Structure formats: structure tokens, C-alpha cells
């Protein structure tokens, strides 16, 4: 079942790819120094950087596939695998740790049945931990996509996840 869902996600992204890469060719000139913005634009449109996209970007920017892949794997902002539509980031910074961040992470794991680095089977949610969100006064915190939730409790985790499902 999980493999079938992964295959569907990859197929959905492949159908988007041609249009995305055509748009990139119109917006950028294909200079090597445009690599990072091209990778960012591709990931924003597709959700991750599939191998086919990296190879096409290498041709477009006249860089070797190794240089493009090396850049995509060096920077933590880039993903080579699909992620959930709603990315949950749980803060593990000092303030959040002291105020119960580990409890919040355990509750998210329990509610969704996934661990950091994983997605739900339907790819609705993905989970990761971050070193610091930068909202220490609101500790413990988590972010879902661009929405920050502070002063989290186990009860609030369940309420928020139900609202967003």
C-alpha cells in the first residue's frame, strides 16, 4: 500500500515536471550561478527535487549532474523525496526542550503514527524536528507549513491536527 502511494506521488509530480521546467527555461538564462534559484523554484512547484529534474537542471545550467546533486544534498532546504502537503516542524531548541518540546513531539508521533523524517501514508502530513524555530517566548512551539503554534500542550496538538485534516 505504501509503495502504491509513493508511486502515485511520483507520477503526479512527473506530470507537473514538464510545465515547471518549461517555465524555468523562460524565467532563467541557464547560467551556472542560477543553480540555487532554479532548484528552489523547482522544489516550490513540485514539492521536492526528483532525479529527472536534477538531470534536466544540469543540462540547462551546463553543470555536471554531480555538481547539481552535490548542491541539492549539501543544503538542508532541498529534499530529494516527496514530503507531506502539511509539513510539521517541532522545535527542539533549548526553551522548547525545557518547556516540554519532547512531549509535544511524542504526541504528534502518536496522533499521526509517524516519526521525524516520515510522512503519513496519504502524504497529507510530514514530520521533522528543527533546532530552533525562533519563537522562544512561545515555547514549546511547532510550525505547520507557515503557521506557528505556541505554548503547545498535548491537547492542543490533537485539536490543531483535527482542524487541519
C-alpha atoms as a PDB file:
ATOM      1  CA  UNK A   1       0.000   0.000   0.000  1.00  0.00           C
ATOM      2  CA  UNK A   2       2.749   2.470   0.950  1.00  0.00           C
ATOM      3  CA  UNK A   3       4.640   1.658  -2.285  1.00  0.00           C
ATOM      4  CA  UNK A   4       1.484   2.273  -4.324  1.00  0.00           C
ATOM      5  CA  UNK A   5       1.030   5.653  -2.628  1.00  0.00           C
ATOM      6  CA  UNK A   6       4.711   6.532  -3.252  1.00  0.00           C
ATOM      7  CA  UNK A   7       4.311   5.576  -6.930  1.00  0.00           C
ATOM      8  CA  UNK A   8       1.230   7.808  -7.217  1.00  0.00           C
ATOM      9  CA  UNK A   9       3.064  10.751  -5.642  1.00  0.00           C
ATOM     10  CA  UNK A  10       5.996  10.325  -8.045  1.00  0.00           C
ATOM     11  CA  UNK A  11       3.633  10.015 -11.039  1.00  0.00           C
ATOM     12  CA  UNK A  12       1.732  13.157 -10.013  1.00  0.00           C
ATOM     13  CA  UNK A  13       4.996  15.063  -9.778  1.00  0.00           C
ATOM     14  CA  UNK A  14       6.239  13.768 -13.137  1.00  0.00           C
ATOM     15  CA  UNK A  15       3.149  15.173 -14.841  1.00  0.00           C
ATOM     16  CA  UNK A  16       3.922  18.620 -13.370  1.00  0.00           C
ATOM     17  CA  UNK A  17       7.600  18.458 -14.254  1.00  0.00           C
ATOM     18  CA  UNK A  18       7.461  19.364 -17.951  1.00  0.00           C
ATOM     19  CA  UNK A  19       5.496  22.544 -17.289  1.00  0.00           C
ATOM     20  CA  UNK A  20       7.711  23.542 -14.382  1.00  0.00           C
ATOM     21  CA  UNK A  21      10.914  23.066 -16.360  1.00  0.00           C
ATOM     22  CA  UNK A  22       9.460  24.941 -19.338  1.00  0.00           C
ATOM     23  CA  UNK A  23       8.652  27.857 -17.029  1.00  0.00           C
ATOM     24  CA  UNK A  24      12.161  27.785 -15.592  1.00  0.00           C
ATOM     25  CA  UNK A  25      13.646  27.980 -19.116  1.00  0.00           C
ATOM     26  CA  UNK A  26      11.590  31.126 -19.701  1.00  0.00           C
ATOM     27  CA  UNK A  27      12.468  32.753 -16.385  1.00  0.00           C
ATOM     28  CA  UNK A  28      16.183  31.890 -16.191  1.00  0.00           C
ATOM     29  CA  UNK A  29      19.039  32.065 -18.674  1.00  0.00           C
ATOM     30  CA  UNK A  30      20.670  28.759 -17.712  1.00  0.00           C
ATOM     31  CA  UNK A  31      23.797  30.267 -16.188  1.00  0.00           C
ATOM     32  CA  UNK A  32      25.583  28.127 -13.571  1.00  0.00           C
ATOM     33  CA  UNK A  33      25.194  30.860 -10.943  1.00  0.00           C
ATOM     34  CA  UNK A  34      21.405  30.466 -11.234  1.00  0.00           C
ATOM     35  CA  UNK A  35      21.554  26.911  -9.885  1.00  0.00           C
ATOM     36  CA  UNK A  36      20.205  27.558  -6.383  1.00  0.00           C
ATOM     37  CA  UNK A  37      17.278  29.758  -7.510  1.00  0.00           C
ATOM     38  CA  UNK A  38      16.429  27.164 -10.191  1.00  0.00           C
ATOM     39  CA  UNK A  39      16.480  24.379  -7.577  1.00  0.00           C
ATOM     40  CA  UNK A  40      14.335  26.491  -5.222  1.00  0.00           C
ATOM     41  CA  UNK A  41      11.801  27.280  -7.935  1.00  0.00           C
ATOM     42  CA  UNK A  42      11.599  23.636  -8.999  1.00  0.00           C
ATOM     43  CA  UNK A  43      11.114  22.402  -5.444  1.00  0.00           C
ATOM     44  CA  UNK A  44       8.492  25.074  -4.726  1.00  0.00           C
ATOM     45  CA  UNK A  45       6.489  23.901  -7.733  1.00  0.00           C
ATOM     46  CA  UNK A  46       6.979  20.131  -7.465  1.00  0.00           C
ATOM     47  CA  UNK A  47       7.433  19.723  -3.698  1.00  0.00           C
ATOM     48  CA  UNK A  48      10.833  18.022  -3.919  1.00  0.00           C
ATOM     49  CA  UNK A  49      13.669  17.541  -6.426  1.00  0.00           C
ATOM     50  CA  UNK A  50      13.187  14.323  -8.405  1.00  0.00           C
ATOM     51  CA  UNK A  51      16.205  12.828 -10.160  1.00  0.00           C
ATOM     52  CA  UNK A  52      14.787  13.697 -13.603  1.00  0.00           C
ATOM     53  CA  UNK A  53      14.557  17.365 -12.593  1.00  0.00           C
ATOM     54  CA  UNK A  54      18.148  17.377 -11.323  1.00  0.00           C
ATOM     55  CA  UNK A  55      19.375  15.904 -14.607  1.00  0.00           C
ATOM     56  CA  UNK A  56      17.422  18.434 -16.663  1.00  0.00           C
ATOM     57  CA  UNK A  57      18.666  21.287 -14.465  1.00  0.00           C
ATOM     58  CA  UNK A  58      22.234  20.053 -15.002  1.00  0.00           C
ATOM     59  CA  UNK A  59      21.738  20.200 -18.782  1.00  0.00           C
ATOM     60  CA  UNK A  60      20.078  23.616 -18.561  1.00  0.00           C
ATOM     61  CA  UNK A  61      22.775  25.187 -16.356  1.00  0.00           C
ATOM     62  CA  UNK A  62      25.612  23.380 -18.171  1.00  0.00           C
ATOM     63  CA  UNK A  63      26.804  21.887 -14.873  1.00  0.00           C
ATOM     64  CA  UNK A  64      27.610  18.242 -14.276  1.00  0.00           C
ATOM     65  CA  UNK A  65      24.901  16.131 -12.655  1.00  0.00           C
ATOM     66  CA  UNK A  66      27.349  15.602  -9.760  1.00  0.00           C
ATOM     67  CA  UNK A  67      27.574  19.370  -9.155  1.00  0.00           C
ATOM     68  CA  UNK A  68      23.793  19.760  -9.207  1.00  0.00           C
ATOM     69  CA  UNK A  69      23.227  16.708  -6.977  1.00  0.00           C
ATOM     70  CA  UNK A  70      26.039  17.858  -4.649  1.00  0.00           C
ATOM     71  CA  UNK A  71      24.400  21.266  -4.246  1.00  0.00           C
ATOM     72  CA  UNK A  72      20.947  19.757  -3.697  1.00  0.00           C
ATOM     73  CA  UNK A  73      22.263  17.422  -0.991  1.00  0.00           C
ATOM     74  CA  UNK A  74      24.517  19.996   0.681  1.00  0.00           C
ATOM     75  CA  UNK A  75      21.765  22.469   1.568  1.00  0.00           C
ATOM     76  CA  UNK A  76      19.156  21.252   4.044  1.00  0.00           C
ATOM     77  CA  UNK A  77      16.426  23.286   2.350  1.00  0.00           C
ATOM     78  CA  UNK A  78      16.342  20.832  -0.555  1.00  0.00           C
ATOM     79  CA  UNK A  79      14.507  17.499  -0.483  1.00  0.00           C
ATOM     80  CA  UNK A  80      15.043  14.571  -2.823  1.00  0.00           C
ATOM     81  CA  UNK A  81      11.925  12.692  -1.711  1.00  0.00           C
ATOM     82  CA  UNK A  82       8.293  13.805  -1.594  1.00  0.00           C
ATOM     83  CA  UNK A  83       7.024  15.205   1.680  1.00  0.00           C
ATOM     84  CA  UNK A  84       3.587  15.658   3.155  1.00  0.00           C
ATOM     85  CA  UNK A  85       1.415  18.536   1.960  1.00  0.00           C
ATOM     86  CA  UNK A  86       1.380  19.813   5.525  1.00  0.00           C
ATOM     87  CA  UNK A  87       4.904  19.818   6.961  1.00  0.00           C
ATOM     88  CA  UNK A  88       5.000  19.788  10.733  1.00  0.00           C
ATOM     89  CA  UNK A  89       8.222  21.067  12.294  1.00  0.00           C
ATOM     90  CA  UNK A  90       8.616  20.551  16.023  1.00  0.00           C
ATOM     91  CA  UNK A  91      11.133  22.789  17.759  1.00  0.00           C
ATOM     92  CA  UNK A  92      13.894  21.097  19.759  1.00  0.00           C
ATOM     93  CA  UNK A  93      15.599  24.317  20.892  1.00  0.00           C
ATOM     94  CA  UNK A  94      16.553  24.948  24.497  1.00  0.00           C
ATOM     95  CA  UNK A  95      13.428  26.890  25.507  1.00  0.00           C
ATOM     96  CA  UNK A  96      11.145  24.336  23.869  1.00  0.00           C
ATOM     97  CA  UNK A  97      13.118  21.467  25.398  1.00  0.00           C
ATOM     98  CA  UNK A  98      12.805  22.933  28.891  1.00  0.00           C
ATOM     99  CA  UNK A  99       9.069  23.595  28.430  1.00  0.00           C
ATOM    100  CA  UNK A 100       8.193  20.097  27.151  1.00  0.00           C
ATOM    101  CA  UNK A 101       9.040  20.007  23.443  1.00  0.00           C
ATOM    102  CA  UNK A 102       9.806  16.274  23.618  1.00  0.00           C
ATOM    103  CA  UNK A 103       6.280  15.651  24.940  1.00  0.00           C
ATOM    104  CA  UNK A 104       4.850  17.624  22.008  1.00  0.00           C
ATOM    105  CA  UNK A 105       6.914  15.610  19.528  1.00  0.00           C
ATOM    106  CA  UNK A 106       5.742  12.329  21.101  1.00  0.00           C
ATOM    107  CA  UNK A 107       2.123  13.491  20.859  1.00  0.00           C
ATOM    108  CA  UNK A 108       2.459  14.380  17.162  1.00  0.00           C
ATOM    109  CA  UNK A 109       4.122  10.994  16.532  1.00  0.00           C
ATOM    110  CA  UNK A 110       1.293   9.227  18.394  1.00  0.00           C
ATOM    111  CA  UNK A 111      -1.504  11.148  16.648  1.00  0.00           C
ATOM    112  CA  UNK A 112      -0.087  10.642  13.143  1.00  0.00           C
ATOM    113  CA  UNK A 113       1.697   7.318  13.577  1.00  0.00           C
ATOM    114  CA  UNK A 114       4.945   8.641  12.080  1.00  0.00           C
ATOM    115  CA  UNK A 115       8.434   9.602  13.242  1.00  0.00           C
ATOM    116  CA  UNK A 116      10.568  12.585  12.169  1.00  0.00           C
ATOM    117  CA  UNK A 117      11.590  12.213   8.538  1.00  0.00           C
ATOM    118  CA  UNK A 118       8.423  10.283   7.658  1.00  0.00           C
ATOM    119  CA  UNK A 119       5.088  11.089   6.004  1.00  0.00           C
ATOM    120  CA  UNK A 120       1.625   9.767   6.644  1.00  0.00           C
ATOM    121  CA  UNK A 121       0.575   7.100   4.125  1.00  0.00           C
ATOM    122  CA  UNK A 122      -1.648   9.594   2.278  1.00  0.00           C
ATOM    123  CA  UNK A 123       1.151  12.217   2.203  1.00  0.00           C
ATOM    124  CA  UNK A 124      -1.136  14.677   3.988  1.00  0.00           C
ATOM    125  CA  UNK A 125       1.399  15.242   6.808  1.00  0.00           C
ATOM    126  CA  UNK A 126       5.165  15.088   7.077  1.00  0.00           C
ATOM    127  CA  UNK A 127       7.116  15.439  10.315  1.00  0.00           C
ATOM    128  CA  UNK A 128      10.548  16.811  11.082  1.00  0.00           C
ATOM    129  CA  UNK A 129      12.329  18.385  14.001  1.00  0.00           C
ATOM    130  CA  UNK A 130      14.262  21.638  13.819  1.00  0.00           C
ATOM    131  CA  UNK A 131      16.997  23.063  16.019  1.00  0.00           C
ATOM    132  CA  UNK A 132      15.081  26.283  16.713  1.00  0.00           C
ATOM    133  CA  UNK A 133      12.009  27.980  15.320  1.00  0.00           C
ATOM    134  CA  UNK A 134      12.971  31.332  16.818  1.00  0.00           C
ATOM    135  CA  UNK A 135       9.781  31.795  18.831  1.00  0.00           C
ATOM    136  CA  UNK A 136      11.271  31.017  22.235  1.00  0.00           C
ATOM    137  CA  UNK A 137       8.789  33.198  24.135  1.00  0.00           C
ATOM    138  CA  UNK A 138       6.017  30.886  22.861  1.00  0.00           C
ATOM    139  CA  UNK A 139       7.747  27.621  23.856  1.00  0.00           C
ATOM    140  CA  UNK A 140       7.041  24.850  23.238  1.00  0.00           C
ATOM    141  CA  UNK A 141       6.263  25.525  19.588  1.00  0.00           C
ATOM    142  CA  UNK A 142       5.596  23.772  16.335  1.00  0.00           C
ATOM    143  CA  UNK A 143       5.114  25.055  12.808  1.00  0.00           C
ATOM    144  CA  UNK A 144       2.778  23.595  10.203  1.00  0.00           C
ATOM    145  CA  UNK A 145       3.766  24.942   6.792  1.00  0.00           C
ATOM    146  CA  UNK A 146       3.999  28.662   7.627  1.00  0.00           C
ATOM    147  CA  UNK A 147       1.677  28.717  10.660  1.00  0.00           C
ATOM    148  CA  UNK A 148       3.364  28.874  14.077  1.00  0.00           C
ATOM    149  CA  UNK A 149       1.624  27.417  17.123  1.00  0.00           C
ATOM    150  CA  UNK A 150       2.924  28.333  20.555  1.00  0.00           C
ATOM    151  CA  UNK A 151       2.510  27.281  24.166  1.00  0.00           C
ATOM    152  CA  UNK A 152       1.670  23.818  22.916  1.00  0.00           C
ATOM    153  CA  UNK A 153       0.114  21.099  25.023  1.00  0.00           C
ATOM    154  CA  UNK A 154      -0.761  17.521  24.118  1.00  0.00           C
ATOM    155  CA  UNK A 155      -4.420  18.529  23.956  1.00  0.00           C
ATOM    156  CA  UNK A 156      -3.660  21.430  21.584  1.00  0.00           C
ATOM    157  CA  UNK A 157      -1.722  19.091  19.261  1.00  0.00           C
ATOM    158  CA  UNK A 158      -4.824  16.942  18.771  1.00  0.00           C
ATOM    159  CA  UNK A 159      -7.087  19.963  18.260  1.00  0.00           C
ATOM    160  CA  UNK A 160      -4.780  21.529  15.674  1.00  0.00           C
ATOM    161  CA  UNK A 161      -4.296  18.292  13.736  1.00  0.00           C
ATOM    162  CA  UNK A 162      -8.059  17.679  13.627  1.00  0.00           C
ATOM    163  CA  UNK A 163      -8.639  21.240  12.310  1.00  0.00           C
ATOM    164  CA  UNK A 164      -6.053  20.813   9.566  1.00  0.00           C
ATOM    165  CA  UNK A 165      -7.071  17.318   8.433  1.00  0.00           C
END
